[in-house]
Amino acid sequence: MSQSEQATKCGMVALVGRPNVGKSTLMNHLIGQKVSITSRKPQTTRQQVMGVLTEGDSQVVFVDTPGIHTKAERAINLQMNKSADRAMRDVELILFMVERTVWRDDDEAVLQRLLRAQAPVILVVNKVDQIEDKSKLLPFIERISERLPLTEVFPLSALHGHNREAFAQYLLKQMPVGPFLFDAEQVTDKNLRFMAAEIVREKIMRQLGEEIPYSVAVEIERFEHLGTLIEIHALILVEREGQKKIVIGEKGSRMKKIGTQARQDMELIFDVKVMLNLWVKVKSNWSDDDRALRSLGLSDDTN
């Protein structure tokens, strides 16, 4: 082992849990930058996204995964479950994230998968600031620990910060000796093109999650650096003509609002001026079409 390898510590940590327990929010706050989009709607995260936390001689590479579903009937749900399963392989730690003292069928589905996992499991109880009766927390944790071997338990608030910094420091100390996987300045494995598509999708889901919960995808058709400007052409895919009308809104009002909010986020994250052009196209049943999912980068041939 080289001297440089001895001087640094690095490891991979998978974030797993049912949809909408706060995995992406926690990762974003731990690394101090938004790299995984968030909303109150399930299926916000559709692919593995890596976030990189580097402090001093230690680096943690988080793998944010799609929420695991019990009812994975459509092709996109099956792919998201496979993505979460893959993330649990070859990692140093698995963070099993649950919400307050709530236990649902999807939480049970995650626990059953974790019984087959090889890596140590840490239970992360999110949104503890919202627990009205704190006396229920310990029995809840004990019920889980009786069924699943746990290395550690961390109650915290991903959004509001309770116990978050202590958790980050704990993870940094747990990493094995080895070279960094990413440059110290890098915060994600995803490129700006991917980030642009995700930012547009986030704005759509935040505004239209009730009306178009799962039927939207975003494809970047053009991403070009023009000196101090990035020009982006993004195609929004929906499954029905009625959904297209909803995304566009009356006289284009909804589309304009989505575009403005997405552009503002891109300029903040990319640190450059952005010219964003949006179009909407109907592609029937894309979310249950394996070929369409592959073309959007939402599927691969690994098991």
C-alpha atoms as a PDB file:
ATOM      1  CA  MET A   1       0.000   0.000   0.000  1.00  0.00           C
ATOM      2  CA  SER A   2       1.388   3.402  -0.994  1.00  0.00           C
ATOM      3  CA  GLN A   3       1.992   6.244   1.444  1.00  0.00           C
ATOM      4  CA  SER A   4      -0.833   8.264  -0.167  1.00  0.00           C
ATOM      5  CA  GLU A   5      -3.241   5.385   0.339  1.00  0.00           C
ATOM      6  CA  GLN A   6      -2.243   5.105   4.002  1.00  0.00           C
ATOM      7  CA  ALA A   7      -2.849   8.824   4.482  1.00  0.00           C
ATOM      8  CA  THR A   8      -6.468   8.768   3.327  1.00  0.00           C
ATOM      9  CA  LYS A   9      -9.698   6.956   4.129  1.00  0.00           C
ATOM     10  CA  CYS A  10     -12.558   6.383   1.705  1.00  0.00           C
ATOM     11  CA  GLY A  11     -15.629   4.213   1.372  1.00  0.00           C
ATOM     12  CA  MET A  12     -19.063   3.899  -0.179  1.00  0.00           C
ATOM     13  CA  VAL A  13     -22.309   4.191   1.793  1.00  0.00           C
ATOM     14  CA  ALA A  14     -25.719   3.207   0.390  1.00  0.00           C
ATOM     15  CA  LEU A  15     -28.846   5.123   1.390  1.00  0.00           C
ATOM     16  CA  VAL A  16     -31.879   2.830   1.226  1.00  0.00           C
ATOM     17  CA  GLY A  17     -35.477   3.090   2.335  1.00  0.00           C
ATOM     18  CA  ARG A  18     -39.027   3.327   1.090  1.00  0.00           C
ATOM     19  CA  PRO A  19     -40.026   6.270  -1.110  1.00  0.00           C
ATOM     20  CA  ASN A  20     -40.141   9.730   0.418  1.00  0.00           C
ATOM     21  CA  VAL A  21     -38.362   9.127   3.742  1.00  0.00           C
ATOM     22  CA  GLY A  22     -35.781  11.858   3.066  1.00  0.00           C
ATOM     23  CA  LYS A  23     -32.792  10.023   1.566  1.00  0.00           C
ATOM     24  CA  SER A  24     -32.002  12.684  -1.033  1.00  0.00           C
ATOM     25  CA  THR A  25     -32.545  15.510   1.457  1.00  0.00           C
ATOM     26  CA  LEU A  26     -30.125  13.915   3.908  1.00  0.00           C
ATOM     27  CA  MET A  27     -27.422  13.370   1.295  1.00  0.00           C
ATOM     28  CA  ASN A  28     -27.739  16.921  -0.050  1.00  0.00           C
ATOM     29  CA  HIS A  29     -27.370  18.414   3.419  1.00  0.00           C
ATOM     30  CA  LEU A  30     -24.503  16.133   4.429  1.00  0.00           C
ATOM     31  CA  ILE A  31     -22.402  17.132   1.432  1.00  0.00           C
ATOM     32  CA  GLY A  32     -23.550  20.752   1.573  1.00  0.00           C
ATOM     33  CA  GLN A  33     -24.846  20.988  -1.990  1.00  0.00           C
ATOM     34  CA  LYS A  34     -27.889  19.905  -3.946  1.00  0.00           C
ATOM     35  CA  VAL A  35     -26.970  16.955  -6.147  1.00  0.00           C
ATOM     36  CA  SER A  36     -30.133  14.844  -5.844  1.00  0.00           C
ATOM     37  CA  ILE A  37     -33.531  16.376  -6.518  1.00  0.00           C
ATOM     38  CA  THR A  38     -36.247  16.361  -3.879  1.00  0.00           C
ATOM     39  CA  SER A  39     -40.004  16.672  -3.635  1.00  0.00           C
ATOM     40  CA  ARG A  40     -42.803  15.379  -1.443  1.00  0.00           C
ATOM     41  CA  LYS A  41     -43.780  12.868  -4.132  1.00  0.00           C
ATOM     42  CA  PRO A  42     -42.638   9.228  -4.389  1.00  0.00           C
ATOM     43  CA  GLN A  43     -40.424   8.294  -7.351  1.00  0.00           C
ATOM     44  CA  THR A  44     -38.560  11.587  -7.233  1.00  0.00           C
ATOM     45  CA  THR A  45     -35.228   9.719  -7.297  1.00  0.00           C
ATOM     46  CA  ARG A  46     -35.197   7.266 -10.210  1.00  0.00           C
ATOM     47  CA  GLN A  47     -31.515   6.413 -10.567  1.00  0.00           C
ATOM     48  CA  GLN A  48     -28.515   5.961  -8.339  1.00  0.00           C
ATOM     49  CA  VAL A  49     -26.927   9.332  -7.638  1.00  0.00           C
ATOM     50  CA  MET A  50     -23.594   9.582  -5.847  1.00  0.00           C
ATOM     51  CA  GLY A  51     -22.811  12.426  -3.480  1.00  0.00           C
ATOM     52  CA  VAL A  52     -19.279  12.968  -2.212  1.00  0.00           C
ATOM     53  CA  LEU A  53     -18.413  14.269   1.262  1.00  0.00           C
ATOM     54  CA  THR A  54     -14.706  15.035   1.750  1.00  0.00           C
ATOM     55  CA  GLU A  55     -13.241  16.404   4.968  1.00  0.00           C
ATOM     56  CA  GLY A  56      -9.502  16.392   5.563  1.00  0.00           C
ATOM     57  CA  ASP A  57      -8.129  12.932   4.847  1.00  0.00           C
ATOM     58  CA  SER A  58     -11.541  11.183   4.766  1.00  0.00           C
ATOM     59  CA  GLN A  59     -14.094  10.778   1.983  1.00  0.00           C
ATOM     60  CA  VAL A  60     -17.585   9.266   2.071  1.00  0.00           C
ATOM     61  CA  VAL A  61     -19.257   8.421  -1.240  1.00  0.00           C
ATOM     62  CA  PHE A  62     -23.018   8.260  -0.683  1.00  0.00           C
ATOM     63  CA  VAL A  63     -25.157   6.275  -3.095  1.00  0.00           C
ATOM     64  CA  ASP A  64     -28.670   7.744  -3.095  1.00  0.00           C
ATOM     65  CA  THR A  65     -31.126   5.134  -4.328  1.00  0.00           C
ATOM     66  CA  PRO A  66     -34.713   5.117  -5.578  1.00  0.00           C
ATOM     67  CA  GLY A  67     -37.265   4.218  -2.933  1.00  0.00           C
ATOM     68  CA  ILE A  68     -38.098   0.504  -2.838  1.00  0.00           C
ATOM     69  CA  HIS A  69     -41.708  -0.331  -3.781  1.00  0.00           C
ATOM     70  CA  THR A  70     -43.768  -3.350  -2.819  1.00  0.00           C
ATOM     71  CA  LYS A  71     -46.025  -2.929  -5.842  1.00  0.00           C
ATOM     72  CA  ALA A  72     -43.488  -2.750  -8.661  1.00  0.00           C
ATOM     73  CA  GLU A  73     -45.822  -3.502 -11.540  1.00  0.00           C
ATOM     74  CA  ARG A  74     -44.557  -1.070 -14.202  1.00  0.00           C
ATOM     75  CA  ALA A  75     -41.178  -1.406 -15.857  1.00  0.00           C
ATOM     76  CA  ILE A  76     -39.884   1.806 -14.293  1.00  0.00           C
ATOM     77  CA  ASN A  77     -40.744   0.580 -10.766  1.00  0.00           C
ATOM     78  CA  LEU A  78     -38.978  -2.722 -11.396  1.00  0.00           C
ATOM     79  CA  GLN A  79     -35.893  -0.862 -12.612  1.00  0.00           C
ATOM     80  CA  MET A  80     -35.882   1.390  -9.546  1.00  0.00           C
ATOM     81  CA  ASN A  81     -36.033  -1.632  -7.235  1.00  0.00           C
ATOM     82  CA  LYS A  82     -33.129  -3.221  -9.139  1.00  0.00           C
ATOM     83  CA  SER A  83     -31.171   0.000  -8.827  1.00  0.00           C
ATOM     84  CA  ALA A  84     -31.664   0.031  -5.052  1.00  0.00           C
ATOM     85  CA  ASP A  85     -30.626  -3.637  -4.811  1.00  0.00           C
ATOM     86  CA  ARG A  86     -27.431  -2.974  -6.796  1.00  0.00           C
ATOM     87  CA  ALA A  87     -26.511  -0.100  -4.492  1.00  0.00           C
ATOM     88  CA  MET A  88     -26.361  -2.459  -1.514  1.00  0.00           C
ATOM     89  CA  ARG A  89     -23.550  -4.458  -3.095  1.00  0.00           C
ATOM     90  CA  ASP A  90     -19.900  -3.591  -2.559  1.00  0.00           C
ATOM     91  CA  VAL A  91     -20.446  -0.807  -0.027  1.00  0.00           C
ATOM     92  CA  GLU A  92     -18.868  -0.334   3.391  1.00  0.00           C
ATOM     93  CA  LEU A  93     -22.115   0.644   5.105  1.00  0.00           C
ATOM     94  CA  ILE A  94     -25.845   0.642   4.425  1.00  0.00           C
ATOM     95  CA  LEU A  95     -28.020   3.383   5.891  1.00  0.00           C
ATOM     96  CA  PHE A  96     -31.557   2.066   6.398  1.00  0.00           C
ATOM     97  CA  MET A  97     -33.682   5.198   6.588  1.00  0.00           C
ATOM     98  CA  VAL A  98     -37.127   5.249   8.168  1.00  0.00           C
ATOM     99  CA  GLU A  99     -39.480   8.107   9.010  1.00  0.00           C
ATOM    100  CA  ARG A 100     -40.312   8.949  12.644  1.00  0.00           C
ATOM    101  CA  THR A 101     -42.066   5.911  14.179  1.00  0.00           C
ATOM    102  CA  VAL A 102     -43.984   5.087  10.989  1.00  0.00           C
ATOM    103  CA  TRP A 103     -43.761   1.535   9.612  1.00  0.00           C
ATOM    104  CA  ARG A 104     -45.371   0.641   6.282  1.00  0.00           C
ATOM    105  CA  ASP A 105     -45.377  -2.277   3.856  1.00  0.00           C
ATOM    106  CA  ASP A 106     -42.592  -0.632   1.846  1.00  0.00           C
ATOM    107  CA  ASP A 107     -40.441  -0.355   4.996  1.00  0.00           C
ATOM    108  CA  GLU A 108     -40.981  -4.071   5.517  1.00  0.00           C
ATOM    109  CA  ALA A 109     -39.915  -4.737   1.921  1.00  0.00           C
ATOM    110  CA  VAL A 110     -36.662  -2.875   2.509  1.00  0.00           C
ATOM    111  CA  LEU A 111     -35.988  -4.765   5.743  1.00  0.00           C
ATOM    112  CA  GLN A 112     -36.456  -8.102   3.969  1.00  0.00           C
ATOM    113  CA  ARG A 113     -33.852  -7.086   1.383  1.00  0.00           C
ATOM    114  CA  LEU A 114     -31.448  -5.973   4.107  1.00  0.00           C
ATOM    115  CA  LEU A 115     -31.587  -9.411   5.723  1.00  0.00           C
ATOM    116  CA  ARG A 116     -29.640 -10.630   2.670  1.00  0.00           C
ATOM    117  CA  ALA A 117     -27.156  -7.740   2.638  1.00  0.00           C
ATOM    118  CA  GLN A 118     -23.485  -8.314   3.413  1.00  0.00           C
ATOM    119  CA  ALA A 119     -22.560  -4.825   4.644  1.00  0.00           C
ATOM    120  CA  PRO A 120     -23.231  -3.525   8.178  1.00  0.00           C
ATOM    121  CA  VAL A 121     -26.530  -1.670   8.569  1.00  0.00           C
ATOM    122  CA  ILE A 122     -27.065   1.623  10.391  1.00  0.00           C
ATOM    123  CA  LEU A 123     -30.646   2.601  11.207  1.00  0.00           C
ATOM    124  CA  VAL A 124     -31.347   6.276  10.479  1.00  0.00           C
ATOM    125  CA  VAL A 125     -34.608   7.521  11.998  1.00  0.00           C
ATOM    126  CA  ASN A 126     -35.461  10.713  10.128  1.00  0.00           C
ATOM    127  CA  LYS A 127     -37.840  13.542  11.096  1.00  0.00           C
ATOM    128  CA  VAL A 128     -37.506  12.880  14.832  1.00  0.00           C
ATOM    129  CA  ASP A 129     -38.367  16.548  15.397  1.00  0.00           C
ATOM    130  CA  GLN A 130     -41.902  15.671  14.233  1.00  0.00           C
ATOM    131  CA  ILE A 131     -42.454  12.896  16.803  1.00  0.00           C
ATOM    132  CA  GLU A 132     -45.030  14.210  19.271  1.00  0.00           C
ATOM    133  CA  ASP A 133     -44.662  11.381  21.785  1.00  0.00           C
ATOM    134  CA  LYS A 134     -40.906  10.766  22.133  1.00  0.00           C
ATOM    135  CA  SER A 135     -41.531   7.781  24.408  1.00  0.00           C
ATOM    136  CA  LYS A 136     -42.543   5.781  21.305  1.00  0.00           C
ATOM    137  CA  LEU A 137     -39.128   6.129  19.652  1.00  0.00           C
ATOM    138  CA  LEU A 138     -37.122   3.624  21.713  1.00  0.00           C
ATOM    139  CA  PRO A 139     -39.700   0.783  21.441  1.00  0.00           C
ATOM    140  CA  PHE A 140     -39.865   1.441  17.675  1.00  0.00           C
ATOM    141  CA  ILE A 141     -36.078   1.122  17.375  1.00  0.00           C
ATOM    142  CA  GLU A 142     -36.042  -2.004  19.550  1.00  0.00           C
ATOM    143  CA  ARG A 143     -38.642  -3.713  17.344  1.00  0.00           C
ATOM    144  CA  ILE A 144     -36.476  -3.169  14.279  1.00  0.00           C
ATOM    145  CA  SER A 145     -33.228  -4.207  16.024  1.00  0.00           C
ATOM    146  CA  GLU A 146     -34.836  -7.477  17.141  1.00  0.00           C
ATOM    147  CA  ARG A 147     -35.338  -8.408  13.483  1.00  0.00           C
ATOM    148  CA  LEU A 148     -32.308  -6.820  11.814  1.00  0.00           C
ATOM    149  CA  PRO A 149     -28.721  -6.706  13.140  1.00  0.00           C
ATOM    150  CA  LEU A 150     -27.792  -3.027  13.487  1.00  0.00           C
ATOM    151  CA  THR A 151     -24.332  -1.516  13.850  1.00  0.00           C
ATOM    152  CA  GLU A 152     -25.623   1.815  15.112  1.00  0.00           C
ATOM    153  CA  VAL A 153     -28.809   3.892  15.368  1.00  0.00           C
ATOM    154  CA  PHE A 154     -28.995   7.604  14.561  1.00  0.00           C
ATOM    155  CA  PRO A 155     -32.187   9.595  15.198  1.00  0.00           C
ATOM    156  CA  LEU A 156     -31.914  12.873  13.278  1.00  0.00           C
ATOM    157  CA  SER A 157     -33.625  15.502  11.171  1.00  0.00           C
ATOM    158  CA  ALA A 158     -32.238  15.584   7.629  1.00  0.00           C
ATOM    159  CA  LEU A 159     -33.953  18.886   6.886  1.00  0.00           C
ATOM    160  CA  HIS A 160     -33.558  20.799  10.135  1.00  0.00           C
ATOM    161  CA  GLY A 161     -30.149  19.519  11.177  1.00  0.00           C
ATOM    162  CA  HIS A 162     -30.777  17.764  14.498  1.00  0.00           C
ATOM    163  CA  ASN A 163     -27.849  15.323  15.016  1.00  0.00           C
ATOM    164  CA  ARG A 164     -26.855  15.679  11.329  1.00  0.00           C
ATOM    165  CA  GLU A 165     -23.302  16.969  11.870  1.00  0.00           C
ATOM    166  CA  ALA A 166     -22.548  14.301  14.466  1.00  0.00           C
ATOM    167  CA  PHE A 167     -23.769  11.696  11.983  1.00  0.00           C
ATOM    168  CA  ALA A 168     -21.479  13.053   9.246  1.00  0.00           C
ATOM    169  CA  GLN A 169     -18.470  12.923  11.560  1.00  0.00           C
ATOM    170  CA  TYR A 170     -19.358   9.363  12.598  1.00  0.00           C
ATOM    171  CA  LEU A 171     -19.476   8.213   8.970  1.00  0.00           C
ATOM    172  CA  LEU A 172     -16.168   9.885   8.097  1.00  0.00           C
ATOM    173  CA  LYS A 173     -14.492   7.992  10.954  1.00  0.00           C
ATOM    174  CA  GLN A 174     -15.939   4.643   9.820  1.00  0.00           C
ATOM    175  CA  MET A 175     -14.353   4.722   6.368  1.00  0.00           C
ATOM    176  CA  PRO A 176     -11.556   2.215   5.675  1.00  0.00           C
ATOM    177  CA  VAL A 177      -8.041   3.216   4.713  1.00  0.00           C
ATOM    178  CA  GLY A 178      -7.729   3.764   0.964  1.00  0.00           C
ATOM    179  CA  PRO A 179      -7.379   6.328  -1.811  1.00  0.00           C
ATOM    180  CA  PHE A 180     -10.110   8.856  -2.594  1.00  0.00           C
ATOM    181  CA  LEU A 181     -12.502   7.743  -5.334  1.00  0.00           C
ATOM    182  CA  PHE A 182     -13.185  11.359  -6.358  1.00  0.00           C
ATOM    183  CA  ASP A 183     -11.251  14.615  -6.297  1.00  0.00           C
ATOM    184  CA  ALA A 184     -11.690  16.447  -3.022  1.00  0.00           C
ATOM    185  CA  GLU A 185     -13.586  19.279  -4.765  1.00  0.00           C
ATOM    186  CA  GLN A 186     -16.039  16.953  -6.533  1.00  0.00           C
ATOM    187  CA  VAL A 187     -19.507  16.527  -4.988  1.00  0.00           C
ATOM    188  CA  THR A 188     -21.204  14.072  -7.382  1.00  0.00           C
ATOM    189  CA  ASP A 189     -20.558  11.529 -10.124  1.00  0.00           C
ATOM    190  CA  LYS A 190     -23.218  13.086 -12.369  1.00  0.00           C
ATOM    191  CA  ASN A 191     -22.473  15.590 -15.118  1.00  0.00           C
ATOM    192  CA  LEU A 192     -24.215  18.918 -15.682  1.00  0.00           C
ATOM    193  CA  ARG A 193     -26.375  17.469 -18.466  1.00  0.00           C
ATOM    194  CA  PHE A 194     -27.893  14.938 -16.061  1.00  0.00           C
ATOM    195  CA  MET A 195     -28.310  17.597 -13.398  1.00  0.00           C
ATOM    196  CA  ALA A 196     -30.149  19.886 -15.833  1.00  0.00           C
ATOM    197  CA  ALA A 197     -32.692  17.171 -16.685  1.00  0.00           C
ATOM    198  CA  GLU A 198     -33.244  16.371 -13.016  1.00  0.00           C
ATOM    199  CA  ILE A 199     -33.735  20.011 -12.058  1.00  0.00           C
ATOM    200  CA  VAL A 200     -36.439  20.436 -14.702  1.00  0.00           C
ATOM    201  CA  ARG A 201     -38.147  17.240 -13.505  1.00  0.00           C
ATOM    202  CA  GLU A 202     -38.006  18.423  -9.902  1.00  0.00           C
ATOM    203  CA  LYS A 203     -39.825  21.656 -10.758  1.00  0.00           C
ATOM    204  CA  ILE A 204     -42.506  19.702 -12.622  1.00  0.00           C
ATOM    205  CA  MET A 205     -43.019  17.271  -9.740  1.00  0.00           C
ATOM    206  CA  ARG A 206     -43.169  20.030  -7.151  1.00  0.00           C
ATOM    207  CA  GLN A 207     -45.803  21.922  -9.108  1.00  0.00           C
ATOM    208  CA  LEU A 208     -47.749  19.073 -10.688  1.00  0.00           C
ATOM    209  CA  GLY A 209     -47.124  16.029  -8.520  1.00  0.00           C
ATOM    210  CA  GLU A 210     -50.802  15.512  -7.792  1.00  0.00           C
ATOM    211  CA  GLU A 211     -51.868  15.871 -11.428  1.00  0.00           C
ATOM    212  CA  ILE A 212     -48.958  14.067 -13.080  1.00  0.00           C
ATOM    213  CA  PRO A 213     -47.405  11.979 -10.317  1.00  0.00           C
ATOM    214  CA  TYR A 214     -45.191   9.526 -12.198  1.00  0.00           C
ATOM    215  CA  SER A 215     -45.683  10.108 -15.908  1.00  0.00           C
ATOM    216  CA  VAL A 216     -42.968  12.684 -16.642  1.00  0.00           C
ATOM    217  CA  ALA A 217     -39.442  12.249 -17.937  1.00  0.00           C
ATOM    218  CA  VAL A 218     -36.986  14.867 -19.151  1.00  0.00           C
ATOM    219  CA  GLU A 219     -34.503  14.365 -21.971  1.00  0.00           C
ATOM    220  CA  ILE A 220     -31.763  16.910 -22.748  1.00  0.00           C
ATOM    221  CA  GLU A 221     -31.545  17.277 -26.524  1.00  0.00           C
ATOM    222  CA  ARG A 222     -28.916  20.022 -26.537  1.00  0.00           C
ATOM    223  CA  PHE A 223     -26.392  21.122 -23.917  1.00  0.00           C
ATOM    224  CA  GLU A 224     -23.851  23.565 -25.306  1.00  0.00           C
ATOM    225  CA  HIS A 225     -21.302  25.835 -23.640  1.00  0.00           C
ATOM    226  CA  LEU A 226     -21.213  29.204 -25.385  1.00  0.00           C
ATOM    227  CA  GLY A 227     -18.511  31.113 -23.527  1.00  0.00           C
ATOM    228  CA  THR A 228     -20.117  32.453 -20.344  1.00  0.00           C
ATOM    229  CA  LEU A 229     -23.493  30.908 -21.256  1.00  0.00           C
ATOM    230  CA  ILE A 230     -24.920  27.396 -21.384  1.00  0.00           C
ATOM    231  CA  GLU A 231     -27.731  26.787 -23.869  1.00  0.00           C
ATOM    232  CA  ILE A 232     -30.029  23.899 -22.935  1.00  0.00           C
ATOM    233  CA  HIS A 233     -32.873  22.375 -24.915  1.00  0.00           C
ATOM    234  CA  ALA A 234     -34.954  20.030 -22.751  1.00  0.00           C
ATOM    235  CA  LEU A 235     -37.761  17.743 -23.929  1.00  0.00           C
ATOM    236  CA  ILE A 236     -40.455  16.919 -21.372  1.00  0.00           C
ATOM    237  CA  LEU A 237     -42.081  13.534 -22.050  1.00  0.00           C
ATOM    238  CA  VAL A 238     -45.591  12.743 -20.861  1.00  0.00           C
ATOM    239  CA  GLU A 239     -47.847   9.782 -21.586  1.00  0.00           C
ATOM    240  CA  ARG A 240     -51.123  11.430 -22.585  1.00  0.00           C
ATOM    241  CA  GLU A 241     -52.300  14.516 -24.454  1.00  0.00           C
ATOM    242  CA  GLY A 242     -54.170  15.753 -21.380  1.00  0.00           C
ATOM    243  CA  GLN A 243     -50.926  15.703 -19.391  1.00  0.00           C
ATOM    244  CA  LYS A 244     -49.237  17.814 -22.059  1.00  0.00           C
ATOM    245  CA  LYS A 245     -51.899  20.487 -21.645  1.00  0.00           C
ATOM    246  CA  ILE A 246     -51.432  20.450 -17.869  1.00  0.00           C
ATOM    247  CA  VAL A 247     -47.648  20.905 -18.139  1.00  0.00           C
ATOM    248  CA  ILE A 248     -48.012  23.772 -20.612  1.00  0.00           C
ATOM    249  CA  GLY A 249     -50.782  25.477 -18.638  1.00  0.00           C
ATOM    250  CA  GLU A 250     -53.083  28.256 -19.773  1.00  0.00           C
ATOM    251  CA  LYS A 251     -51.298  30.287 -22.444  1.00  0.00           C
ATOM    252  CA  GLY A 252     -48.040  28.595 -21.481  1.00  0.00           C
ATOM    253  CA  SER A 253     -48.111  29.913 -17.904  1.00  0.00           C
ATOM    254  CA  ARG A 254     -47.153  26.650 -16.199  1.00  0.00           C
ATOM    255  CA  MET A 255     -44.324  25.944 -18.624  1.00  0.00           C
ATOM    256  CA  LYS A 256     -42.961  29.446 -18.123  1.00  0.00           C
ATOM    257  CA  LYS A 257     -42.966  29.038 -14.337  1.00  0.00           C
ATOM    258  CA  ILE A 258     -41.248  25.636 -14.543  1.00  0.00           C
ATOM    259  CA  GLY A 259     -38.640  27.043 -16.902  1.00  0.00           C
ATOM    260  CA  THR A 260     -37.924  30.103 -14.761  1.00  0.00           C
ATOM    261  CA  GLN A 261     -37.498  28.116 -11.558  1.00  0.00           C
ATOM    262  CA  ALA A 262     -35.335  25.476 -13.264  1.00  0.00           C
ATOM    263  CA  ARG A 263     -33.114  28.102 -14.912  1.00  0.00           C
ATOM    264  CA  GLN A 264     -32.594  29.912 -11.608  1.00  0.00           C
ATOM    265  CA  ASP A 265     -31.519  26.685  -9.899  1.00  0.00           C
ATOM    266  CA  MET A 266     -29.190  25.776 -12.763  1.00  0.00           C
ATOM    267  CA  GLU A 267     -27.504  29.171 -12.684  1.00  0.00           C
ATOM    268  CA  LEU A 268     -26.989  28.856  -8.938  1.00  0.00           C
ATOM    269  CA  ILE A 269     -25.584  25.305  -9.113  1.00  0.00           C
ATOM    270  CA  PHE A 270     -23.635  25.645 -12.401  1.00  0.00           C
ATOM    271  CA  ASP A 271     -22.384  29.167 -11.553  1.00  0.00           C
ATOM    272  CA  VAL A 272     -23.003  30.374 -15.114  1.00  0.00           C
ATOM    273  CA  LYS A 273     -25.816  32.043 -17.084  1.00  0.00           C
ATOM    274  CA  VAL A 274     -28.280  29.566 -18.606  1.00  0.00           C
ATOM    275  CA  MET A 275     -30.584  29.833 -21.622  1.00  0.00           C
ATOM    276  CA  LEU A 276     -33.233  27.156 -21.124  1.00  0.00           C
ATOM    277  CA  ASN A 277     -35.728  26.103 -23.787  1.00  0.00           C
ATOM    278  CA  LEU A 278     -38.490  23.606 -22.949  1.00  0.00           C
ATOM    279  CA  TRP A 279     -40.767  21.512 -25.149  1.00  0.00           C
ATOM    280  CA  VAL A 280     -43.420  18.913 -24.265  1.00  0.00           C
ATOM    281  CA  LYS A 281     -44.011  15.702 -26.235  1.00  0.00           C
ATOM    282  CA  VAL A 282     -46.473  12.846 -25.768  1.00  0.00           C
ATOM    283  CA  LYS A 283     -44.815   9.400 -25.729  1.00  0.00           C
ATOM    284  CA  SER A 284     -47.477   6.872 -24.814  1.00  0.00           C
ATOM    285  CA  ASN A 285     -46.653   4.369 -22.073  1.00  0.00           C
ATOM    286  CA  TRP A 286     -42.957   5.313 -21.889  1.00  0.00           C
ATOM    287  CA  SER A 287     -42.732   4.351 -18.199  1.00  0.00           C
ATOM    288  CA  ASP A 288     -43.672   0.717 -18.956  1.00  0.00           C
ATOM    289  CA  ASP A 289     -41.503   0.380 -22.054  1.00  0.00           C
ATOM    290  CA  ASP A 290     -38.046  -1.127 -21.431  1.00  0.00           C
ATOM    291  CA  ARG A 291     -36.650   0.292 -24.664  1.00  0.00           C
ATOM    292  CA  ALA A 292     -37.872   3.789 -23.805  1.00  0.00           C
ATOM    293  CA  LEU A 293     -36.386   3.473 -20.321  1.00  0.00           C
ATOM    294  CA  ARG A 294     -33.013   2.474 -21.774  1.00  0.00           C
ATOM    295  CA  SER A 295     -33.029   5.454 -24.125  1.00  0.00           C
ATOM    296  CA  LEU A 296     -33.669   7.737 -21.127  1.00  0.00           C
ATOM    297  CA  GLY A 297     -30.882   6.151 -19.100  1.00  0.00           C
ATOM    298  CA  LEU A 298     -33.352   4.616 -16.643  1.00  0.00           C
ATOM    299  CA  SER A 299     -32.532   0.993 -17.392  1.00  0.00           C
ATOM    300  CA  ASP A 300     -29.560  -1.206 -18.041  1.00  0.00           C
ATOM    301  CA  ASP A 301     -28.856  -4.896 -18.508  1.00  0.00           C
ATOM    302  CA  THR A 302     -27.221  -5.568 -15.152  1.00  0.00           C
ATOM    303  CA  ASN A 303     -29.016  -7.687 -12.559  1.00  0.00           C
END
